[in-house]
N, C-alpha and C. Protein backbone atom coordinates (compact mmCIF):
# COMPACT_ATOMS: atom_id res chain seq x y z
N UNK A 1 24.85 -34.87 -66.17
CA UNK A 1 26.14 -34.63 -66.80
C UNK A 1 27.12 -35.72 -66.38
N UNK A 2 27.92 -36.16 -67.31
CA UNK A 2 28.93 -37.19 -67.04
C UNK A 2 30.02 -36.65 -66.09
N UNK A 3 30.55 -37.52 -65.25
CA UNK A 3 31.59 -37.11 -64.30
C UNK A 3 32.79 -36.51 -65.03
N UNK A 4 33.17 -37.09 -66.16
CA UNK A 4 34.32 -36.57 -66.91
C UNK A 4 34.09 -35.12 -67.33
N UNK A 5 32.87 -34.82 -67.77
CA UNK A 5 32.55 -33.45 -68.18
C UNK A 5 32.55 -32.50 -66.98
N UNK A 6 32.03 -32.98 -65.87
CA UNK A 6 32.02 -32.18 -64.65
C UNK A 6 33.46 -31.86 -64.24
N UNK A 7 34.32 -32.87 -64.28
CA UNK A 7 35.71 -32.67 -63.87
C UNK A 7 36.44 -31.72 -64.80
N UNK A 8 36.13 -31.76 -66.07
CA UNK A 8 36.73 -30.80 -67.02
C UNK A 8 36.31 -29.38 -66.69
N UNK A 9 35.04 -29.20 -66.39
CA UNK A 9 34.55 -27.87 -66.03
C UNK A 9 35.19 -27.40 -64.73
N UNK A 10 35.28 -28.29 -63.76
CA UNK A 10 35.91 -27.96 -62.47
C UNK A 10 37.38 -27.59 -62.69
N UNK A 11 38.07 -28.35 -63.52
CA UNK A 11 39.48 -28.07 -63.81
C UNK A 11 39.63 -26.65 -64.37
N UNK A 12 38.73 -26.27 -65.28
CA UNK A 12 38.76 -24.92 -65.85
C UNK A 12 38.63 -23.88 -64.74
N UNK A 13 37.67 -24.06 -63.85
CA UNK A 13 37.46 -23.10 -62.78
C UNK A 13 38.65 -23.05 -61.83
N UNK A 14 39.21 -24.20 -61.51
CA UNK A 14 40.37 -24.23 -60.62
C UNK A 14 41.55 -23.51 -61.26
N UNK A 15 41.79 -23.79 -62.52
CA UNK A 15 42.92 -23.16 -63.21
C UNK A 15 42.76 -21.64 -63.29
N UNK A 16 41.52 -21.18 -63.27
CA UNK A 16 41.25 -19.75 -63.33
C UNK A 16 40.93 -19.16 -61.95
N UNK A 17 41.25 -19.94 -60.92
CA UNK A 17 41.08 -19.53 -59.53
C UNK A 17 39.65 -19.11 -59.19
N UNK A 18 38.72 -19.77 -59.82
CA UNK A 18 37.30 -19.52 -59.56
C UNK A 18 36.78 -20.67 -58.69
N UNK A 19 37.29 -20.69 -57.47
CA UNK A 19 37.06 -21.81 -56.57
C UNK A 19 35.61 -21.94 -56.12
N UNK A 20 34.92 -20.82 -55.98
CA UNK A 20 33.52 -20.89 -55.56
C UNK A 20 32.68 -21.63 -56.60
N UNK A 21 32.91 -21.34 -57.88
CA UNK A 21 32.18 -22.02 -58.94
C UNK A 21 32.49 -23.51 -58.96
N UNK A 22 33.77 -23.83 -58.79
CA UNK A 22 34.19 -25.24 -58.76
C UNK A 22 33.51 -25.97 -57.61
N UNK A 23 33.50 -25.35 -56.44
CA UNK A 23 32.87 -25.97 -55.27
C UNK A 23 31.38 -26.20 -55.51
N UNK A 24 30.71 -25.22 -56.06
CA UNK A 24 29.28 -25.33 -56.31
C UNK A 24 28.97 -26.51 -57.23
N UNK A 25 29.72 -26.64 -58.31
CA UNK A 25 29.51 -27.74 -59.27
C UNK A 25 29.78 -29.09 -58.60
N UNK A 26 30.86 -29.17 -57.85
CA UNK A 26 31.21 -30.43 -57.19
C UNK A 26 30.16 -30.83 -56.16
N UNK A 27 29.71 -29.89 -55.36
CA UNK A 27 28.70 -30.22 -54.35
C UNK A 27 27.39 -30.67 -55.00
N UNK A 28 27.04 -30.02 -56.09
CA UNK A 28 25.82 -30.42 -56.81
C UNK A 28 25.96 -31.85 -57.34
N UNK A 29 27.11 -32.16 -57.94
CA UNK A 29 27.34 -33.50 -58.49
C UNK A 29 27.39 -34.55 -57.38
N UNK A 30 27.91 -34.17 -56.22
CA UNK A 30 28.01 -35.11 -55.11
C UNK A 30 26.64 -35.45 -54.51
N UNK A 31 25.65 -34.63 -54.76
CA UNK A 31 24.29 -34.96 -54.30
C UNK A 31 23.80 -36.23 -54.99
N UNK A 32 24.20 -36.40 -56.25
CA UNK A 32 23.78 -37.58 -57.01
C UNK A 32 24.77 -38.73 -56.90
N UNK A 33 26.03 -38.40 -56.65
CA UNK A 33 27.07 -39.44 -56.55
C UNK A 33 27.93 -39.15 -55.32
N UNK A 34 27.38 -39.34 -54.13
CA UNK A 34 28.08 -38.94 -52.91
C UNK A 34 29.37 -39.70 -52.60
N UNK A 35 29.59 -40.82 -53.26
CA UNK A 35 30.78 -41.61 -52.97
C UNK A 35 31.79 -41.59 -54.11
N UNK A 36 31.63 -40.67 -55.04
CA UNK A 36 32.53 -40.61 -56.19
C UNK A 36 33.87 -40.03 -55.74
N UNK A 37 34.91 -40.83 -55.82
CA UNK A 37 36.24 -40.44 -55.35
C UNK A 37 36.79 -39.23 -56.09
N UNK A 38 36.59 -39.16 -57.38
CA UNK A 38 37.13 -38.05 -58.17
C UNK A 38 36.47 -36.73 -57.78
N UNK A 39 35.16 -36.77 -57.58
CA UNK A 39 34.46 -35.55 -57.17
C UNK A 39 34.91 -35.12 -55.78
N UNK A 40 35.00 -36.08 -54.86
CA UNK A 40 35.45 -35.76 -53.51
C UNK A 40 36.89 -35.23 -53.51
N UNK A 41 37.75 -35.87 -54.27
CA UNK A 41 39.15 -35.46 -54.31
C UNK A 41 39.27 -34.01 -54.81
N UNK A 42 38.54 -33.69 -55.86
CA UNK A 42 38.60 -32.34 -56.40
C UNK A 42 38.00 -31.32 -55.44
N UNK A 43 36.99 -31.71 -54.68
CA UNK A 43 36.44 -30.83 -53.66
C UNK A 43 37.50 -30.58 -52.59
N UNK A 44 38.23 -31.62 -52.21
CA UNK A 44 39.34 -31.44 -51.26
C UNK A 44 40.38 -30.48 -51.79
N UNK A 45 40.69 -30.59 -53.07
CA UNK A 45 41.66 -29.67 -53.67
C UNK A 45 41.17 -28.23 -53.63
N UNK A 46 39.89 -28.03 -53.92
CA UNK A 46 39.33 -26.68 -53.86
C UNK A 46 39.48 -26.12 -52.45
N UNK A 47 39.14 -26.91 -51.45
CA UNK A 47 39.29 -26.44 -50.07
C UNK A 47 40.75 -26.13 -49.77
N UNK A 48 41.62 -26.99 -50.21
CA UNK A 48 43.05 -26.79 -49.96
C UNK A 48 43.54 -25.50 -50.62
N UNK A 49 43.14 -25.26 -51.84
CA UNK A 49 43.55 -24.05 -52.57
C UNK A 49 42.99 -22.78 -51.94
N UNK A 50 41.87 -22.90 -51.27
CA UNK A 50 41.28 -21.74 -50.59
C UNK A 50 41.77 -21.63 -49.15
N UNK A 51 42.75 -22.43 -48.80
CA UNK A 51 43.33 -22.43 -47.45
C UNK A 51 42.30 -22.79 -46.39
N UNK A 52 41.39 -23.71 -46.74
CA UNK A 52 40.42 -24.22 -45.79
C UNK A 52 40.87 -25.63 -45.42
N UNK A 53 41.99 -25.66 -44.68
CA UNK A 53 42.65 -26.92 -44.36
C UNK A 53 41.78 -27.95 -43.69
N UNK A 54 40.97 -27.53 -42.72
CA UNK A 54 40.16 -28.50 -41.99
C UNK A 54 39.12 -29.15 -42.90
N UNK A 55 38.50 -28.37 -43.77
CA UNK A 55 37.53 -28.93 -44.71
C UNK A 55 38.22 -29.90 -45.68
N UNK A 56 39.43 -29.53 -46.11
CA UNK A 56 40.18 -30.40 -47.02
C UNK A 56 40.51 -31.72 -46.32
N UNK A 57 40.97 -31.65 -45.08
CA UNK A 57 41.30 -32.85 -44.32
C UNK A 57 40.08 -33.75 -44.18
N UNK A 58 38.94 -33.17 -43.83
CA UNK A 58 37.71 -33.95 -43.68
C UNK A 58 37.32 -34.64 -44.99
N UNK A 59 37.48 -33.92 -46.09
CA UNK A 59 37.12 -34.48 -47.39
C UNK A 59 38.07 -35.60 -47.79
N UNK A 60 39.36 -35.40 -47.60
CA UNK A 60 40.33 -36.46 -47.92
C UNK A 60 40.13 -37.68 -47.03
N UNK A 61 39.83 -37.45 -45.76
CA UNK A 61 39.57 -38.59 -44.85
C UNK A 61 38.37 -39.39 -45.31
N UNK A 62 37.37 -38.70 -45.82
CA UNK A 62 36.18 -39.39 -46.31
C UNK A 62 36.54 -40.34 -47.45
N UNK A 63 37.42 -39.90 -48.34
CA UNK A 63 37.87 -40.76 -49.44
C UNK A 63 38.56 -42.00 -48.89
N UNK A 64 39.45 -41.80 -47.94
CA UNK A 64 40.21 -42.92 -47.35
C UNK A 64 39.26 -43.91 -46.67
N UNK A 65 38.28 -43.39 -45.95
CA UNK A 65 37.35 -44.25 -45.23
C UNK A 65 36.39 -44.99 -46.17
N UNK A 66 35.92 -44.29 -47.19
CA UNK A 66 34.94 -44.88 -48.10
C UNK A 66 35.54 -45.84 -49.11
N UNK A 67 36.81 -45.62 -49.43
CA UNK A 67 37.43 -46.38 -50.52
C UNK A 67 38.76 -46.99 -50.10
N UNK A 68 38.72 -48.02 -49.26
CA UNK A 68 39.99 -48.60 -48.82
C UNK A 68 40.85 -49.14 -49.96
N UNK A 69 40.24 -49.47 -51.07
CA UNK A 69 41.01 -49.97 -52.21
C UNK A 69 40.84 -49.05 -53.43
N UNK A 70 40.31 -47.86 -53.19
CA UNK A 70 40.03 -46.94 -54.29
C UNK A 70 41.28 -46.37 -54.93
N UNK A 71 41.14 -45.94 -56.14
CA UNK A 71 42.29 -45.43 -56.88
C UNK A 71 42.73 -44.05 -56.40
N UNK A 72 41.88 -43.31 -55.74
CA UNK A 72 42.24 -41.98 -55.22
C UNK A 72 42.73 -42.04 -53.78
N UNK A 73 42.68 -43.21 -53.18
CA UNK A 73 43.04 -43.36 -51.77
C UNK A 73 44.46 -42.90 -51.49
N UNK A 74 45.41 -43.35 -52.28
CA UNK A 74 46.82 -42.97 -52.05
C UNK A 74 47.04 -41.47 -52.23
N UNK A 75 46.40 -40.90 -53.24
CA UNK A 75 46.51 -39.45 -53.45
C UNK A 75 45.96 -38.70 -52.24
N UNK A 76 44.82 -39.15 -51.75
CA UNK A 76 44.20 -38.51 -50.59
C UNK A 76 45.09 -38.65 -49.35
N UNK A 77 45.69 -39.82 -49.16
CA UNK A 77 46.59 -40.02 -48.02
C UNK A 77 47.80 -39.10 -48.09
N UNK A 78 48.37 -38.91 -49.26
CA UNK A 78 49.52 -38.01 -49.42
C UNK A 78 49.13 -36.58 -49.05
N UNK A 79 47.97 -36.14 -49.51
CA UNK A 79 47.54 -34.78 -49.22
C UNK A 79 47.20 -34.63 -47.74
N UNK A 80 46.64 -35.68 -47.15
CA UNK A 80 46.35 -35.66 -45.71
C UNK A 80 47.62 -35.50 -44.90
N UNK A 81 48.63 -36.28 -45.24
CA UNK A 81 49.90 -36.19 -44.51
C UNK A 81 50.49 -34.78 -44.59
N UNK A 82 50.41 -34.20 -45.78
CA UNK A 82 50.93 -32.85 -45.99
C UNK A 82 50.15 -31.84 -45.15
N UNK A 83 48.83 -31.94 -45.20
CA UNK A 83 48.00 -30.98 -44.47
C UNK A 83 48.09 -31.17 -42.97
N UNK A 84 48.08 -32.40 -42.51
CA UNK A 84 48.13 -32.64 -41.07
C UNK A 84 49.47 -32.23 -40.48
N UNK A 85 50.50 -32.24 -41.30
CA UNK A 85 51.80 -31.77 -40.86
C UNK A 85 51.86 -30.26 -40.72
N UNK A 86 50.91 -29.55 -41.35
CA UNK A 86 50.93 -28.09 -41.30
C UNK A 86 50.05 -27.52 -40.19
N UNK A 87 49.36 -28.40 -39.46
CA UNK A 87 48.51 -27.90 -38.36
C UNK A 87 49.32 -27.76 -37.09
C-alpha cells in the first residue's frame, strides 16, 4: 500500500479516536519502511494522543536523529519541546 493511502487511513482512525487501529497500521507499514518520517511522525502523534508521553518522545527523537535535514524534523522538534516540558 502507498504511504499516502496508509496516512489517509491512519488520519481516519485518529479523527475517530481509534488509536489502536492507527498504531497497528503504522507499525505494520514501518516494518517495510522503518525510516519513513511521515509514518514515524504519525506514530508519535498516536502515542501523544493516548497520553503515552515517553513513547511519543522516543519516536520524535528517532525522527530528529534519522533525518537531520528531513521535512518532519522541525515538527518533531516542536512536539519534543512541548512534551519534554511536561515531564
